[in-house]
Amino acid sequence: MPEYRRILEFENELEARLLEAELIEREIPHAIRSNYDFAYDGIFQIQHGWGYLEAPEEYVEKIKEIYNDLRESDD
């Protein structure tokens, strides 16, 4: 199994889910992690953002390109 590394930080869940849908469609391996912690009632999301995306090194540039395209189309 390839080693995953942190690539992007998400501002909110919608942003994360939009990118996730695109990565699934393109069959790009990834993992989305939320910074939410029930024990602390989400305080880490306030401090560190909603969450982040991890993926194998070989997909970093492609994922960043897709992410930027999604953000540009949102404007």
N, C-alpha and C. Protein backbone atom coordinates (compact mmCIF):
# COMPACT_ATOMS: atom_id res chain seq x y z
N MET A 1 0.84 -1.18 0.00
CA MET A 1 0.00 0.00 0.00
C MET A 1 0.89 1.24 0.00
N PRO A 2 0.60 2.20 -0.88
CA PRO A 2 1.44 3.40 -0.94
C PRO A 2 1.29 4.26 0.31
N GLU A 3 2.33 5.00 0.62
CA GLU A 3 2.30 5.88 1.77
C GLU A 3 1.53 7.16 1.42
N TYR A 4 0.61 7.54 2.29
CA TYR A 4 -0.19 8.74 2.08
C TYR A 4 0.45 9.91 2.81
N ARG A 5 0.32 11.11 2.24
CA ARG A 5 0.79 12.31 2.91
C ARG A 5 -0.26 13.40 2.82
N ARG A 6 -0.23 14.32 3.74
CA ARG A 6 -1.19 15.42 3.79
C ARG A 6 -0.93 16.36 2.62
N ILE A 7 -2.01 16.68 1.89
CA ILE A 7 -1.86 17.51 0.70
C ILE A 7 -2.60 18.85 0.82
N LEU A 8 -3.86 18.79 1.25
CA LEU A 8 -4.70 19.99 1.29
C LEU A 8 -5.40 20.13 2.62
N GLU A 9 -5.68 21.37 2.99
CA GLU A 9 -6.50 21.68 4.16
C GLU A 9 -7.85 22.19 3.64
N PHE A 10 -8.94 21.73 4.24
CA PHE A 10 -10.28 22.15 3.83
C PHE A 10 -10.84 23.21 4.77
N GLU A 11 -11.54 24.17 4.19
CA GLU A 11 -12.22 25.20 4.98
C GLU A 11 -13.54 24.70 5.54
N ASN A 12 -14.20 23.79 4.79
CA ASN A 12 -15.50 23.29 5.23
C ASN A 12 -15.79 21.93 4.61
N GLU A 13 -16.86 21.30 5.08
CA GLU A 13 -17.21 19.96 4.62
C GLU A 13 -17.65 19.94 3.16
N LEU A 14 -18.34 20.96 2.71
CA LEU A 14 -18.80 21.02 1.32
C LEU A 14 -17.61 20.97 0.37
N GLU A 15 -16.60 21.74 0.65
CA GLU A 15 -15.38 21.75 -0.15
C GLU A 15 -14.76 20.35 -0.20
N ALA A 16 -14.72 19.69 0.94
CA ALA A 16 -14.15 18.34 1.03
C ALA A 16 -14.96 17.35 0.20
N ARG A 17 -16.28 17.41 0.31
CA ARG A 17 -17.14 16.45 -0.40
C ARG A 17 -17.13 16.66 -1.91
N LEU A 18 -17.04 17.91 -2.35
CA LEU A 18 -16.96 18.18 -3.79
C LEU A 18 -15.68 17.59 -4.38
N LEU A 19 -14.57 17.81 -3.69
CA LEU A 19 -13.31 17.25 -4.18
C LEU A 19 -13.34 15.73 -4.10
N GLU A 20 -13.88 15.19 -3.04
CA GLU A 20 -13.96 13.74 -2.89
C GLU A 20 -14.74 13.11 -4.04
N ALA A 21 -15.85 13.70 -4.42
CA ALA A 21 -16.65 13.17 -5.52
C ALA A 21 -15.85 13.14 -6.82
N GLU A 22 -15.09 14.20 -7.05
CA GLU A 22 -14.27 14.28 -8.26
C GLU A 22 -13.16 13.23 -8.24
N LEU A 23 -12.53 13.04 -7.10
CA LEU A 23 -11.44 12.06 -6.99
C LEU A 23 -11.96 10.63 -7.13
N ILE A 24 -13.13 10.36 -6.59
CA ILE A 24 -13.74 9.03 -6.74
C ILE A 24 -14.04 8.77 -8.21
N GLU A 25 -14.61 9.77 -8.88
CA GLU A 25 -14.94 9.62 -10.31
C GLU A 25 -13.70 9.32 -11.14
N ARG A 26 -12.58 9.92 -10.77
CA ARG A 26 -11.32 9.72 -11.52
C ARG A 26 -10.49 8.56 -10.97
N GLU A 27 -11.03 7.87 -9.97
CA GLU A 27 -10.37 6.72 -9.35
C GLU A 27 -8.98 7.06 -8.80
N ILE A 28 -8.88 8.21 -8.15
CA ILE A 28 -7.64 8.64 -7.52
C ILE A 28 -7.71 8.28 -6.04
N PRO A 29 -6.77 7.48 -5.56
CA PRO A 29 -6.81 7.07 -4.14
C PRO A 29 -6.58 8.28 -3.23
N HIS A 30 -7.33 8.32 -2.13
CA HIS A 30 -7.24 9.44 -1.20
C HIS A 30 -7.92 9.08 0.11
N ALA A 31 -7.71 9.92 1.10
CA ALA A 31 -8.40 9.81 2.38
C ALA A 31 -8.70 11.22 2.87
N ILE A 32 -9.92 11.44 3.32
CA ILE A 32 -10.31 12.73 3.88
C ILE A 32 -10.47 12.55 5.38
N ARG A 33 -9.81 13.43 6.12
CA ARG A 33 -9.84 13.36 7.58
C ARG A 33 -10.44 14.65 8.13
N SER A 34 -11.38 14.51 9.02
CA SER A 34 -11.98 15.66 9.69
C SER A 34 -11.20 15.97 10.97
N ASN A 35 -11.11 17.24 11.31
CA ASN A 35 -10.49 17.65 12.56
C ASN A 35 -11.48 17.67 13.71
N TYR A 36 -12.71 17.23 13.46
CA TYR A 36 -13.73 17.26 14.51
C TYR A 36 -13.42 16.21 15.56
N ASP A 37 -13.59 16.57 16.80
CA ASP A 37 -13.39 15.65 17.93
C ASP A 37 -14.58 15.80 18.87
N PHE A 38 -15.37 14.74 19.02
CA PHE A 38 -16.57 14.80 19.86
C PHE A 38 -16.23 15.18 21.30
N ALA A 39 -15.12 14.71 21.80
CA ALA A 39 -14.76 14.99 23.19
C ALA A 39 -14.56 16.48 23.44
N TYR A 40 -14.13 17.20 22.41
CA TYR A 40 -13.88 18.63 22.57
C TYR A 40 -14.87 19.49 21.79
N ASP A 41 -15.96 18.87 21.34
CA ASP A 41 -17.06 19.56 20.66
C ASP A 41 -16.59 20.41 19.48
N GLY A 42 -15.67 19.90 18.70
CA GLY A 42 -15.29 20.56 17.46
C GLY A 42 -14.31 21.71 17.58
N ILE A 43 -13.71 21.91 18.73
CA ILE A 43 -12.81 23.04 18.91
C ILE A 43 -11.61 22.98 17.98
N PHE A 44 -11.17 21.78 17.61
CA PHE A 44 -10.02 21.67 16.72
C PHE A 44 -10.36 22.15 15.31
N GLN A 45 -11.62 22.06 14.90
CA GLN A 45 -12.01 22.58 13.60
C GLN A 45 -11.92 24.10 13.59
N ILE A 46 -12.22 24.73 14.68
CA ILE A 46 -12.10 26.18 14.77
C ILE A 46 -10.63 26.59 14.67
N GLN A 47 -9.77 25.83 15.30
CA GLN A 47 -8.34 26.15 15.32
C GLN A 47 -7.61 25.73 14.05
N HIS A 48 -7.98 24.58 13.48
CA HIS A 48 -7.20 23.99 12.39
C HIS A 48 -7.96 23.83 11.07
N GLY A 49 -9.18 24.30 10.97
CA GLY A 49 -9.96 24.12 9.76
C GLY A 49 -10.78 22.84 9.81
N TRP A 50 -11.64 22.66 8.84
CA TRP A 50 -12.56 21.53 8.85
C TRP A 50 -11.83 20.19 8.85
N GLY A 51 -10.83 20.05 7.98
CA GLY A 51 -10.11 18.79 7.88
C GLY A 51 -9.06 18.86 6.78
N TYR A 52 -8.62 17.70 6.33
CA TYR A 52 -7.56 17.68 5.33
C TYR A 52 -7.67 16.43 4.45
N LEU A 53 -6.92 16.46 3.34
CA LEU A 53 -6.90 15.35 2.39
C LEU A 53 -5.50 14.76 2.38
N GLU A 54 -5.44 13.44 2.35
CA GLU A 54 -4.19 12.70 2.21
C GLU A 54 -4.27 11.85 0.95
N ALA A 55 -3.12 11.67 0.30
CA ALA A 55 -3.06 10.84 -0.90
C ALA A 55 -1.61 10.43 -1.15
N PRO A 56 -1.40 9.44 -2.02
CA PRO A 56 -0.03 9.05 -2.37
C PRO A 56 0.68 10.20 -3.09
N GLU A 57 1.97 10.28 -2.89
CA GLU A 57 2.82 11.33 -3.48
C GLU A 57 2.61 11.48 -4.99
N GLU A 58 2.44 10.39 -5.68
CA GLU A 58 2.35 10.43 -7.15
C GLU A 58 1.11 11.18 -7.67
N TYR A 59 0.13 11.41 -6.80
CA TYR A 59 -1.10 12.10 -7.21
C TYR A 59 -1.18 13.55 -6.75
N VAL A 60 -0.17 14.04 -6.09
CA VAL A 60 -0.22 15.38 -5.49
C VAL A 60 -0.53 16.45 -6.53
N GLU A 61 0.21 16.51 -7.59
CA GLU A 61 0.01 17.58 -8.59
C GLU A 61 -1.37 17.49 -9.24
N LYS A 62 -1.81 16.29 -9.56
CA LYS A 62 -3.13 16.11 -10.19
C LYS A 62 -4.24 16.55 -9.24
N ILE A 63 -4.13 16.19 -7.98
CA ILE A 63 -5.15 16.57 -6.99
C ILE A 63 -5.18 18.08 -6.81
N LYS A 64 -4.02 18.71 -6.72
CA LYS A 64 -3.98 20.17 -6.58
C LYS A 64 -4.59 20.86 -7.80
N GLU A 65 -4.36 20.32 -8.98
CA GLU A 65 -4.93 20.86 -10.21
C GLU A 65 -6.47 20.76 -10.17
N ILE A 66 -6.98 19.61 -9.79
CA ILE A 66 -8.43 19.41 -9.69
C ILE A 66 -9.03 20.35 -8.65
N TYR A 67 -8.37 20.46 -7.50
CA TYR A 67 -8.83 21.33 -6.42
C TYR A 67 -8.89 22.79 -6.88
N ASN A 68 -7.85 23.24 -7.54
CA ASN A 68 -7.83 24.62 -8.04
C ASN A 68 -8.91 24.87 -9.08
N ASP A 69 -9.14 23.90 -9.95
CA ASP A 69 -10.22 24.01 -10.94
C ASP A 69 -11.57 24.12 -10.27
N LEU A 70 -11.80 23.34 -9.23
CA LEU A 70 -13.07 23.40 -8.50
C LEU A 70 -13.25 24.76 -7.82
N ARG A 71 -12.19 25.28 -7.23
CA ARG A 71 -12.27 26.58 -6.55
C ARG A 71 -12.51 27.71 -7.55
N GLU A 72 -11.88 27.62 -8.72
CA GLU A 72 -12.08 28.65 -9.74
C GLU A 72 -13.50 28.62 -10.29
N SER A 73 -14.05 27.43 -10.46
CA SER A 73 -15.42 27.32 -10.98
C SER A 73 -16.45 27.78 -9.97
N ASP A 74 -16.05 27.87 -8.70
CA ASP A 74 -16.95 28.32 -7.63
C ASP A 74 -17.11 29.84 -7.64
N ASP A 75 -16.15 30.55 -8.21
CA ASP A 75 -16.20 32.03 -8.23
C ASP A 75 -17.27 32.57 -9.13
